Amino acid sequence: MWDASARTVTCLACADGATDGESGANAQPLDSPAAPSPLERGKPGASAEREYERRRDVRAQRARNKLGRLGGIYLALSSEPQSQVAWARGSAGEKLLGEALERMHDEEQVVVLHDRRIPQTRANIDHIAVTRCGAVWAIDAKNYQGKVHRIDKGGWFTTDERLYVGRRDCTKLITTMAKQTEAIRSALGEPMITEFDLETRAALCFVNAEWSLFAKPMLLNGVWVGWGQALRERLAAPGHLDADHLTLLARRIADVLPPA
């Protein structure tokens, strides 16, 4: 139960523990409602791991259908296709960042949800962090190799900042974050966003990439881009929400954005 005037959260069991208006020995307590179900926070990298296993199994079955007993030898001697390996690498990156975020969750600095599905789409959100300062983060973990930097491709009088990892233009990763933050806003609803003074933010976190010696996290088109330790410091900022607030908000999001 949220008391807007007092800005406090009370569990339903305590709120309904009052009596029917009677007092003394004849007072009969109201029946307490059933305890809420545990918050289903999801498993980091679960959907990417399933997709890797599906592609691996399909490749193995095709090899056996085509080559018979030699299919096993072919699979042992040949390399997995890059499109298949990318799913395994992505899952590993999500798990690595998920472990770091779980430590913050255990310390009650944030409430973290993992691998959430955006309904009616094939997209998912790797991690969602509800923080004490009122920021709700959509976090995309990327397990890329190479140095992260930005390059301005604009002309003399224009600016066109693009994100690169090594020689790879990864600017598209920035543009896809808008769909994730919008899904979180929709899940929370504008009344709750206003009541709790919330804002949604997006973070692109590279878990194994390289950075220059004096590199700092960057902001590109409103998306924070950086590495794990810098992200954790950002998420740990103090604020006006307590642990009960975080759980209440996370449960609202989890009800709309189920595990992928």
C-alpha atoms as a PDB file:
ATOM      1  CA  MET A   1       0.000   0.000   0.000  1.00  0.00           C
ATOM      2  CA  TRP A   2       1.430   3.356  -1.075  1.00  0.00           C
ATOM      3  CA  ASP A   3       0.519   6.370   1.123  1.00  0.00           C
ATOM      4  CA  ALA A   4       1.023   9.369  -1.173  1.00  0.00           C
ATOM      5  CA  SER A   5       0.747  11.975   1.601  1.00  0.00           C
ATOM      6  CA  ALA A   6       3.237  10.273   3.934  1.00  0.00           C
ATOM      7  CA  ARG A   7       5.312   8.861   1.046  1.00  0.00           C
ATOM      8  CA  THR A   8       5.544   5.474   2.758  1.00  0.00           C
ATOM      9  CA  VAL A   9       5.011   1.883   1.681  1.00  0.00           C
ATOM     10  CA  THR A  10       3.213  -0.595   3.954  1.00  0.00           C
ATOM     11  CA  CYS A  11       2.947  -4.313   3.258  1.00  0.00           C
ATOM     12  CA  LEU A  12      -0.632  -5.496   2.809  1.00  0.00           C
ATOM     13  CA  ALA A  13      -0.394  -7.933   5.692  1.00  0.00           C
ATOM     14  CA  CYS A  14       0.400  -5.102   8.125  1.00  0.00           C
ATOM     15  CA  ALA A  15      -2.108  -2.718   6.569  1.00  0.00           C
ATOM     16  CA  ASP A  16      -4.920  -5.236   6.922  1.00  0.00           C
ATOM     17  CA  GLY A  17      -3.870  -6.287  10.413  1.00  0.00           C
ATOM     18  CA  ALA A  18      -6.197  -3.711  11.928  1.00  0.00           C
ATOM     19  CA  THR A  19      -9.469  -4.766  13.609  1.00  0.00           C
ATOM     20  CA  ASP A  20     -13.076  -4.203  12.460  1.00  0.00           C
ATOM     21  CA  GLY A  21     -13.403  -1.188  14.749  1.00  0.00           C
ATOM     22  CA  GLU A  22     -13.870  -3.243  17.937  1.00  0.00           C
ATOM     23  CA  SER A  23     -11.436  -3.102  20.821  1.00  0.00           C
ATOM     24  CA  GLY A  24     -10.498  -5.270  23.773  1.00  0.00           C
ATOM     25  CA  ALA A  25     -10.816  -9.019  24.045  1.00  0.00           C
ATOM     26  CA  ASN A  26     -13.703  -9.173  21.573  1.00  0.00           C
ATOM     27  CA  ALA A  27     -11.711  -7.561  18.773  1.00  0.00           C
ATOM     28  CA  GLN A  28     -11.392  -9.870  15.808  1.00  0.00           C
ATOM     29  CA  PRO A  29      -8.481  -9.263  13.404  1.00  0.00           C
ATOM     30  CA  LEU A  30      -9.218  -9.231   9.714  1.00  0.00           C
ATOM     31  CA  ASP A  31      -7.944 -12.138   7.667  1.00  0.00           C
ATOM     32  CA  SER A  32      -4.494 -11.398   6.283  1.00  0.00           C
ATOM     33  CA  PRO A  33      -4.122 -11.711   2.534  1.00  0.00           C
ATOM     34  CA  ALA A  34      -1.856 -14.322   1.038  1.00  0.00           C
ATOM     35  CA  ALA A  35       1.796 -13.334   0.901  1.00  0.00           C
ATOM     36  CA  PRO A  36       2.863 -11.942  -2.491  1.00  0.00           C
ATOM     37  CA  SER A  37       4.677 -14.332  -4.759  1.00  0.00           C
ATOM     38  CA  PRO A  38       8.476 -14.004  -4.940  1.00  0.00           C
ATOM     39  CA  LEU A  39       9.744 -11.468  -7.441  1.00  0.00           C
ATOM     40  CA  GLU A  40      10.801 -13.379 -10.553  1.00  0.00           C
ATOM     41  CA  ARG A  41      13.992 -11.510 -11.418  1.00  0.00           C
ATOM     42  CA  GLY A  42      15.147 -13.699 -14.313  1.00  0.00           C
ATOM     43  CA  LYS A  43      18.480 -15.268 -15.205  1.00  0.00           C
ATOM     44  CA  PRO A  44      21.275 -13.325 -16.940  1.00  0.00           C
ATOM     45  CA  GLY A  45      21.919 -14.458 -20.513  1.00  0.00           C
ATOM     46  CA  ALA A  46      19.215 -17.141 -20.475  1.00  0.00           C
ATOM     47  CA  SER A  47      17.573 -16.352 -23.822  1.00  0.00           C
ATOM     48  CA  ALA A  48      20.894 -15.896 -25.647  1.00  0.00           C
ATOM     49  CA  GLU A  49      22.117 -19.216 -24.264  1.00  0.00           C
ATOM     50  CA  ARG A  50      18.939 -20.968 -25.441  1.00  0.00           C
ATOM     51  CA  GLU A  51      19.339 -19.497 -28.923  1.00  0.00           C
ATOM     52  CA  TYR A  52      22.949 -20.666 -29.094  1.00  0.00           C
ATOM     53  CA  GLU A  53      21.948 -24.177 -28.048  1.00  0.00           C
ATOM     54  CA  ARG A  54      19.108 -24.222 -30.590  1.00  0.00           C
ATOM     55  CA  ARG A  55      21.425 -23.218 -33.435  1.00  0.00           C
ATOM     56  CA  ARG A  56      24.065 -25.716 -32.298  1.00  0.00           C
ATOM     57  CA  ASP A  57      21.531 -28.542 -32.219  1.00  0.00           C
ATOM     58  CA  VAL A  58      20.105 -27.635 -35.642  1.00  0.00           C
ATOM     59  CA  ARG A  59      23.615 -27.603 -37.152  1.00  0.00           C
ATOM     60  CA  ALA A  60      24.429 -30.955 -35.584  1.00  0.00           C
ATOM     61  CA  GLN A  61      21.202 -32.524 -36.858  1.00  0.00           C
ATOM     62  CA  ARG A  62      21.796 -31.242 -40.376  1.00  0.00           C
ATOM     63  CA  ALA A  63      25.318 -32.673 -40.362  1.00  0.00           C
ATOM     64  CA  ARG A  64      24.054 -36.105 -39.251  1.00  0.00           C
ATOM     65  CA  ASN A  65      21.246 -36.070 -41.814  1.00  0.00           C
ATOM     66  CA  LYS A  66      23.652 -35.236 -44.616  1.00  0.00           C
ATOM     67  CA  LEU A  67      26.754 -37.196 -43.594  1.00  0.00           C
ATOM     68  CA  GLY A  68      25.427 -39.974 -41.398  1.00  0.00           C
ATOM     69  CA  ARG A  69      28.081 -41.336 -39.053  1.00  0.00           C
ATOM     70  CA  LEU A  70      30.631 -38.928 -40.492  1.00  0.00           C
ATOM     71  CA  GLY A  71      28.558 -36.030 -39.201  1.00  0.00           C
ATOM     72  CA  GLY A  72      30.149 -36.281 -35.764  1.00  0.00           C
ATOM     73  CA  ILE A  73      33.642 -36.176 -37.255  1.00  0.00           C
ATOM     74  CA  TYR A  74      32.701 -33.151 -39.362  1.00  0.00           C
ATOM     75  CA  LEU A  75      31.374 -31.304 -36.321  1.00  0.00           C
ATOM     76  CA  ALA A  76      34.489 -32.114 -34.309  1.00  0.00           C
ATOM     77  CA  LEU A  77      36.885 -30.902 -37.000  1.00  0.00           C
ATOM     78  CA  SER A  78      35.002 -27.821 -38.218  1.00  0.00           C
ATOM     79  CA  SER A  79      34.538 -24.483 -36.492  1.00  0.00           C
ATOM     80  CA  GLU A  80      31.165 -23.201 -35.437  1.00  0.00           C
ATOM     81  CA  PRO A  81      29.815 -20.423 -37.702  1.00  0.00           C
ATOM     82  CA  GLN A  82      30.294 -16.892 -36.430  1.00  0.00           C
ATOM     83  CA  SER A  83      26.551 -16.275 -36.314  1.00  0.00           C
ATOM     84  CA  GLN A  84      26.259 -19.155 -33.848  1.00  0.00           C
ATOM     85  CA  VAL A  85      29.291 -18.255 -31.748  1.00  0.00           C
ATOM     86  CA  ALA A  86      27.977 -14.691 -31.343  1.00  0.00           C
ATOM     87  CA  TRP A  87      25.038 -15.958 -29.275  1.00  0.00           C
ATOM     88  CA  ALA A  88      27.328 -17.858 -26.906  1.00  0.00           C
ATOM     89  CA  ARG A  89      29.601 -14.841 -26.542  1.00  0.00           C
ATOM     90  CA  GLY A  90      26.624 -12.586 -25.920  1.00  0.00           C
ATOM     91  CA  SER A  91      25.277 -14.881 -23.227  1.00  0.00           C
ATOM     92  CA  ALA A  92      28.688 -14.969 -21.528  1.00  0.00           C
ATOM     93  CA  GLY A  93      28.818 -11.170 -21.503  1.00  0.00           C
ATOM     94  CA  GLU A  94      25.362 -10.884 -19.984  1.00  0.00           C
ATOM     95  CA  LYS A  95      26.279 -13.394 -17.280  1.00  0.00           C
ATOM     96  CA  LEU A  96      29.501 -11.551 -16.454  1.00  0.00           C
ATOM     97  CA  LEU A  97      27.758  -8.213 -16.019  1.00  0.00           C
ATOM     98  CA  GLY A  98      24.841  -9.919 -14.282  1.00  0.00           C
ATOM     99  CA  GLU A  99      27.160 -11.281 -11.587  1.00  0.00           C
ATOM    100  CA  ALA A 100      28.425  -7.770 -10.843  1.00  0.00           C
ATOM    101  CA  LEU A 101      24.894  -6.369 -10.683  1.00  0.00           C
ATOM    102  CA  GLU A 102      23.800  -9.222  -8.417  1.00  0.00           C
ATOM    103  CA  ARG A 103      26.356  -8.127  -5.831  1.00  0.00           C
ATOM    104  CA  MET A 104      24.749  -4.692  -5.792  1.00  0.00           C
ATOM    105  CA  HIS A 105      21.330  -6.318  -5.460  1.00  0.00           C
ATOM    106  CA  ASP A 106      22.493  -8.399  -2.501  1.00  0.00           C
ATOM    107  CA  GLU A 107      23.783  -5.229  -0.822  1.00  0.00           C
ATOM    108  CA  GLU A 108      20.338  -3.611  -1.373  1.00  0.00           C
ATOM    109  CA  GLN A 109      21.829  -0.799  -3.441  1.00  0.00           C
ATOM    110  CA  VAL A 110      19.577  -1.607  -6.399  1.00  0.00           C
ATOM    111  CA  VAL A 111      16.929  -4.116  -7.431  1.00  0.00           C
ATOM    112  CA  VAL A 112      17.941  -5.900 -10.617  1.00  0.00           C
ATOM    113  CA  LEU A 113      15.880  -7.772 -13.198  1.00  0.00           C
ATOM    114  CA  HIS A 114      17.542  -9.872 -15.902  1.00  0.00           C
ATOM    115  CA  ASP A 115      16.720 -10.844 -19.482  1.00  0.00           C
ATOM    116  CA  ARG A 116      13.256  -9.312 -19.829  1.00  0.00           C
ATOM    117  CA  ARG A 117      11.077  -9.803 -22.891  1.00  0.00           C
ATOM    118  CA  ILE A 118       9.366  -6.831 -24.517  1.00  0.00           C
ATOM    119  CA  PRO A 119       5.839  -8.107 -25.291  1.00  0.00           C
ATOM    120  CA  GLN A 120       4.753  -8.422 -28.941  1.00  0.00           C
ATOM    121  CA  THR A 121       8.343  -8.103 -30.149  1.00  0.00           C
ATOM    122  CA  ARG A 122      11.387 -10.338 -30.492  1.00  0.00           C
ATOM    123  CA  ALA A 123      13.473  -7.867 -28.487  1.00  0.00           C
ATOM    124  CA  ASN A 124      14.643  -8.239 -24.915  1.00  0.00           C
ATOM    125  CA  ILE A 125      16.337  -6.118 -22.262  1.00  0.00           C
ATOM    126  CA  ASP A 126      19.514  -7.671 -20.844  1.00  0.00           C
ATOM    127  CA  HIS A 127      19.244  -6.043 -17.412  1.00  0.00           C
ATOM    128  CA  ILE A 128      16.983  -3.533 -15.651  1.00  0.00           C
ATOM    129  CA  ALA A 129      18.265  -1.744 -12.536  1.00  0.00           C
ATOM    130  CA  VAL A 130      15.932   0.204 -10.236  1.00  0.00           C
ATOM    131  CA  THR A 131      18.091   2.621  -8.236  1.00  0.00           C
ATOM    132  CA  ARG A 132      17.647   4.695  -5.098  1.00  0.00           C
ATOM    133  CA  CYS A 133      18.032   7.999  -6.937  1.00  0.00           C
ATOM    134  CA  GLY A 134      14.875   7.267  -8.924  1.00  0.00           C
ATOM    135  CA  ALA A 135      16.572   6.277 -12.185  1.00  0.00           C
ATOM    136  CA  VAL A 136      15.412   3.036 -13.794  1.00  0.00           C
ATOM    137  CA  TRP A 137      18.107   1.782 -16.158  1.00  0.00           C
ATOM    138  CA  ALA A 138      17.824  -0.349 -19.271  1.00  0.00           C
ATOM    139  CA  ILE A 139      21.260  -1.966 -19.552  1.00  0.00           C
ATOM    140  CA  ASP A 140      22.563  -3.670 -22.679  1.00  0.00           C
ATOM    141  CA  ALA A 141      25.668  -5.842 -22.138  1.00  0.00           C
ATOM    142  CA  LYS A 142      28.028  -6.288 -25.096  1.00  0.00           C
ATOM    143  CA  ASN A 143      30.888  -8.763 -25.162  1.00  0.00           C
ATOM    144  CA  TYR A 144      32.913  -7.163 -27.977  1.00  0.00           C
ATOM    145  CA  GLN A 145      36.655  -7.053 -28.569  1.00  0.00           C
ATOM    146  CA  GLY A 146      38.561  -3.959 -29.659  1.00  0.00           C
ATOM    147  CA  LYS A 147      38.981  -0.408 -28.396  1.00  0.00           C
ATOM    148  CA  VAL A 148      35.821   1.594 -27.752  1.00  0.00           C
ATOM    149  CA  HIS A 149      35.915   5.143 -29.112  1.00  0.00           C
ATOM    150  CA  ARG A 150      33.765   7.673 -30.885  1.00  0.00           C
ATOM    151  CA  ILE A 151      34.406   9.353 -34.198  1.00  0.00           C
ATOM    152  CA  ASP A 152      32.766  12.493 -35.518  1.00  0.00           C
ATOM    153  CA  LYS A 153      31.837  11.782 -39.138  1.00  0.00           C
ATOM    154  CA  GLY A 154      30.264  15.199 -39.644  1.00  0.00           C
ATOM    155  CA  GLY A 155      31.551  18.002 -41.826  1.00  0.00           C
ATOM    156  CA  TRP A 156      32.904  21.421 -40.895  1.00  0.00           C
ATOM    157  CA  PHE A 157      29.511  22.710 -39.766  1.00  0.00           C
ATOM    158  CA  THR A 158      27.776  19.484 -38.762  1.00  0.00           C
ATOM    159  CA  THR A 159      28.260  16.860 -36.068  1.00  0.00           C
ATOM    160  CA  ASP A 160      27.735  13.138 -36.592  1.00  0.00           C
ATOM    161  CA  GLU A 161      29.206  11.277 -33.622  1.00  0.00           C
ATOM    162  CA  ARG A 162      29.414   7.542 -34.144  1.00  0.00           C
ATOM    163  CA  LEU A 163      30.366   4.717 -31.797  1.00  0.00           C
ATOM    164  CA  TYR A 164      33.163   2.380 -32.849  1.00  0.00           C
ATOM    165  CA  VAL A 165      34.645  -0.748 -31.304  1.00  0.00           C
ATOM    166  CA  GLY A 166      37.904  -1.296 -33.124  1.00  0.00           C
ATOM    167  CA  ARG A 167      37.018  -0.716 -36.785  1.00  0.00           C
ATOM    168  CA  ARG A 168      33.407  -1.762 -36.307  1.00  0.00           C
ATOM    169  CA  ASP A 169      30.703   0.926 -36.451  1.00  0.00           C
ATOM    170  CA  CYS A 170      28.386   0.104 -33.548  1.00  0.00           C
ATOM    171  CA  THR A 171      26.232   3.223 -33.626  1.00  0.00           C
ATOM    172  CA  LYS A 172      23.149   1.101 -34.289  1.00  0.00           C
ATOM    173  CA  LEU A 173      23.439  -0.204 -30.719  1.00  0.00           C
ATOM    174  CA  ILE A 174      22.715   3.322 -29.498  1.00  0.00           C
ATOM    175  CA  THR A 175      19.555   3.738 -31.550  1.00  0.00           C
ATOM    176  CA  THR A 176      18.019   0.462 -30.364  1.00  0.00           C
ATOM    177  CA  MET A 177      18.094   1.559 -26.708  1.00  0.00           C
ATOM    178  CA  ALA A 178      15.118   3.900 -27.177  1.00  0.00           C
ATOM    179  CA  LYS A 179      12.802   0.892 -27.585  1.00  0.00           C
ATOM    180  CA  GLN A 180      14.026  -0.528 -24.280  1.00  0.00           C
ATOM    181  CA  THR A 181      13.547   2.634 -22.214  1.00  0.00           C
ATOM    182  CA  GLU A 182      10.110   3.172 -23.755  1.00  0.00           C
ATOM    183  CA  ALA A 183       9.106  -0.377 -22.756  1.00  0.00           C
ATOM    184  CA  ILE A 184      10.125   0.353 -19.153  1.00  0.00           C
ATOM    185  CA  ARG A 185       8.202   3.648 -19.088  1.00  0.00           C
ATOM    186  CA  SER A 186       5.151   1.893 -20.454  1.00  0.00           C
ATOM    187  CA  ALA A 187       5.436  -0.844 -17.818  1.00  0.00           C
ATOM    188  CA  LEU A 188       5.666   1.661 -14.962  1.00  0.00           C
ATOM    189  CA  GLY A 189       2.960   4.001 -16.260  1.00  0.00           C
ATOM    190  CA  GLU A 190       3.050   7.775 -16.120  1.00  0.00           C
ATOM    191  CA  PRO A 191       1.175   8.074 -12.780  1.00  0.00           C
ATOM    192  CA  MET A 192       3.787   5.957 -10.995  1.00  0.00           C
ATOM    193  CA  ILE A 193       6.639   7.753 -12.771  1.00  0.00           C
ATOM    194  CA  THR A 194       5.263  11.096 -11.588  1.00  0.00           C
ATOM    195  CA  GLU A 195       4.448   9.916  -8.061  1.00  0.00           C
ATOM    196  CA  PHE A 196       7.924   8.506  -7.433  1.00  0.00           C
ATOM    197  CA  ASP A 197       9.746  11.164  -9.469  1.00  0.00           C
ATOM    198  CA  LEU A 198      11.322   8.564 -11.751  1.00  0.00           C
ATOM    199  CA  GLU A 199      13.324   8.801 -14.947  1.00  0.00           C
ATOM    200  CA  THR A 200      14.360   6.083 -17.377  1.00  0.00           C
ATOM    201  CA  ARG A 201      17.927   5.881 -18.586  1.00  0.00           C
ATOM    202  CA  ALA A 202      19.843   3.680 -21.012  1.00  0.00           C
ATOM    203  CA  ALA A 203      23.313   2.202 -20.623  1.00  0.00           C
ATOM    204  CA  LEU A 204      25.492   0.313 -23.090  1.00  0.00           C
ATOM    205  CA  CYS A 205      28.110  -1.623 -21.133  1.00  0.00           C
ATOM    206  CA  PHE A 206      31.087  -3.305 -22.843  1.00  0.00           C
ATOM    207  CA  VAL A 207      32.384  -6.079 -20.591  1.00  0.00           C
ATOM    208  CA  ASN A 208      35.588  -7.164 -22.337  1.00  0.00           C
ATOM    209  CA  ALA A 209      36.436  -4.307 -24.694  1.00  0.00           C
ATOM    210  CA  GLU A 210      39.510  -2.083 -24.519  1.00  0.00           C
ATOM    211  CA  TRP A 211      39.588   1.545 -23.438  1.00  0.00           C
ATOM    212  CA  SER A 212      42.299   4.168 -23.752  1.00  0.00           C
ATOM    213  CA  LEU A 213      44.335   4.951 -20.646  1.00  0.00           C
ATOM    214  CA  PHE A 214      42.439   8.098 -19.648  1.00  0.00           C
ATOM    215  CA  ALA A 215      39.077   7.113 -21.091  1.00  0.00           C
ATOM    216  CA  LYS A 216      35.857   8.244 -19.432  1.00  0.00           C
ATOM    217  CA  PRO A 217      32.325   6.983 -19.968  1.00  0.00           C
ATOM    218  CA  MET A 218      30.624   8.849 -22.801  1.00  0.00           C
ATOM    219  CA  LEU A 219      27.097   9.986 -23.530  1.00  0.00           C
ATOM    220  CA  LEU A 220      25.875   9.470 -27.107  1.00  0.00           C
ATOM    221  CA  ASN A 221      22.334  10.516 -28.025  1.00  0.00           C
ATOM    222  CA  GLY A 222      21.329  10.221 -24.382  1.00  0.00           C
ATOM    223  CA  VAL A 223      22.785   6.721 -23.945  1.00  0.00           C
ATOM    224  CA  TRP A 224      25.520   6.194 -21.352  1.00  0.00           C
ATOM    225  CA  VAL A 225      28.402   4.139 -22.778  1.00  0.00           C
ATOM    226  CA  GLY A 226      31.075   2.658 -20.528  1.00  0.00           C
ATOM    227  CA  TRP A 227      32.361  -0.375 -18.641  1.00  0.00           C
ATOM    228  CA  GLY A 228      31.214  -2.419 -15.643  1.00  0.00           C
ATOM    229  CA  GLN A 229      32.917  -0.650 -12.730  1.00  0.00           C
ATOM    230  CA  ALA A 230      31.923   2.793 -13.983  1.00  0.00           C
ATOM    231  CA  LEU A 231      28.333   1.622 -14.387  1.00  0.00           C
ATOM    232  CA  ARG A 232      28.184   0.210 -10.872  1.00  0.00           C
ATOM    233  CA  GLU A 233      29.391   3.536  -9.472  1.00  0.00           C
ATOM    234  CA  ARG A 234      26.646   5.293 -11.397  1.00  0.00           C
ATOM    235  CA  LEU A 235      23.946   2.925 -10.183  1.00  0.00           C
ATOM    236  CA  ALA A 236      25.037   3.269  -6.540  1.00  0.00           C
ATOM    237  CA  ALA A 237      24.154   6.983  -6.338  1.00  0.00           C
ATOM    238  CA  PRO A 238      22.046   7.719  -3.218  1.00  0.00           C
ATOM    239  CA  GLY A 239      18.541   9.041  -3.483  1.00  0.00           C
ATOM    240  CA  HIS A 240      15.023   9.357  -2.105  1.00  0.00           C
ATOM    241  CA  LEU A 241      13.842   5.750  -2.562  1.00  0.00           C
ATOM    242  CA  ASP A 242      14.223   2.999   0.029  1.00  0.00           C
ATOM    243  CA  ALA A 243      14.357  -0.780  -0.358  1.00  0.00           C
ATOM    244  CA  ASP A 244      10.554  -1.166  -0.260  1.00  0.00           C
ATOM    245  CA  HIS A 245      10.159   1.416  -3.018  1.00  0.00           C
ATOM    246  CA  LEU A 246      12.665  -0.402  -5.198  1.00  0.00           C
ATOM    247  CA  THR A 247      10.892  -3.726  -4.761  1.00  0.00           C
ATOM    248  CA  LEU A 248       7.494  -2.201  -5.486  1.00  0.00           C
ATOM    249  CA  LEU A 249       8.734  -0.613  -8.723  1.00  0.00           C
ATOM    250  CA  ALA A 250      10.607  -3.736  -9.802  1.00  0.00           C
ATOM    251  CA  ARG A 251       7.509  -5.882  -9.265  1.00  0.00           C
ATOM    252  CA  ARG A 252       5.468  -3.517 -11.435  1.00  0.00           C
ATOM    253  CA  ILE A 253       8.036  -3.809 -14.242  1.00  0.00           C
ATOM    254  CA  ALA A 254       8.360  -7.593 -13.851  1.00  0.00           C
ATOM    255  CA  ASP A 255       4.592  -8.038 -14.207  1.00  0.00           C
ATOM    256  CA  VAL A 256       4.642  -6.368 -17.639  1.00  0.00           C
ATOM    257  CA  LEU A 257       8.101  -7.444 -18.876  1.00  0.00           C
ATOM    258  CA  PRO A 258       8.385 -11.176 -18.084  1.00  0.00           C
ATOM    259  CA  PRO A 259      11.618 -13.180 -18.254  1.00  0.00           C
ATOM    260  CA  ALA A 260      12.620 -13.865 -21.850  1.00  0.00           C
END
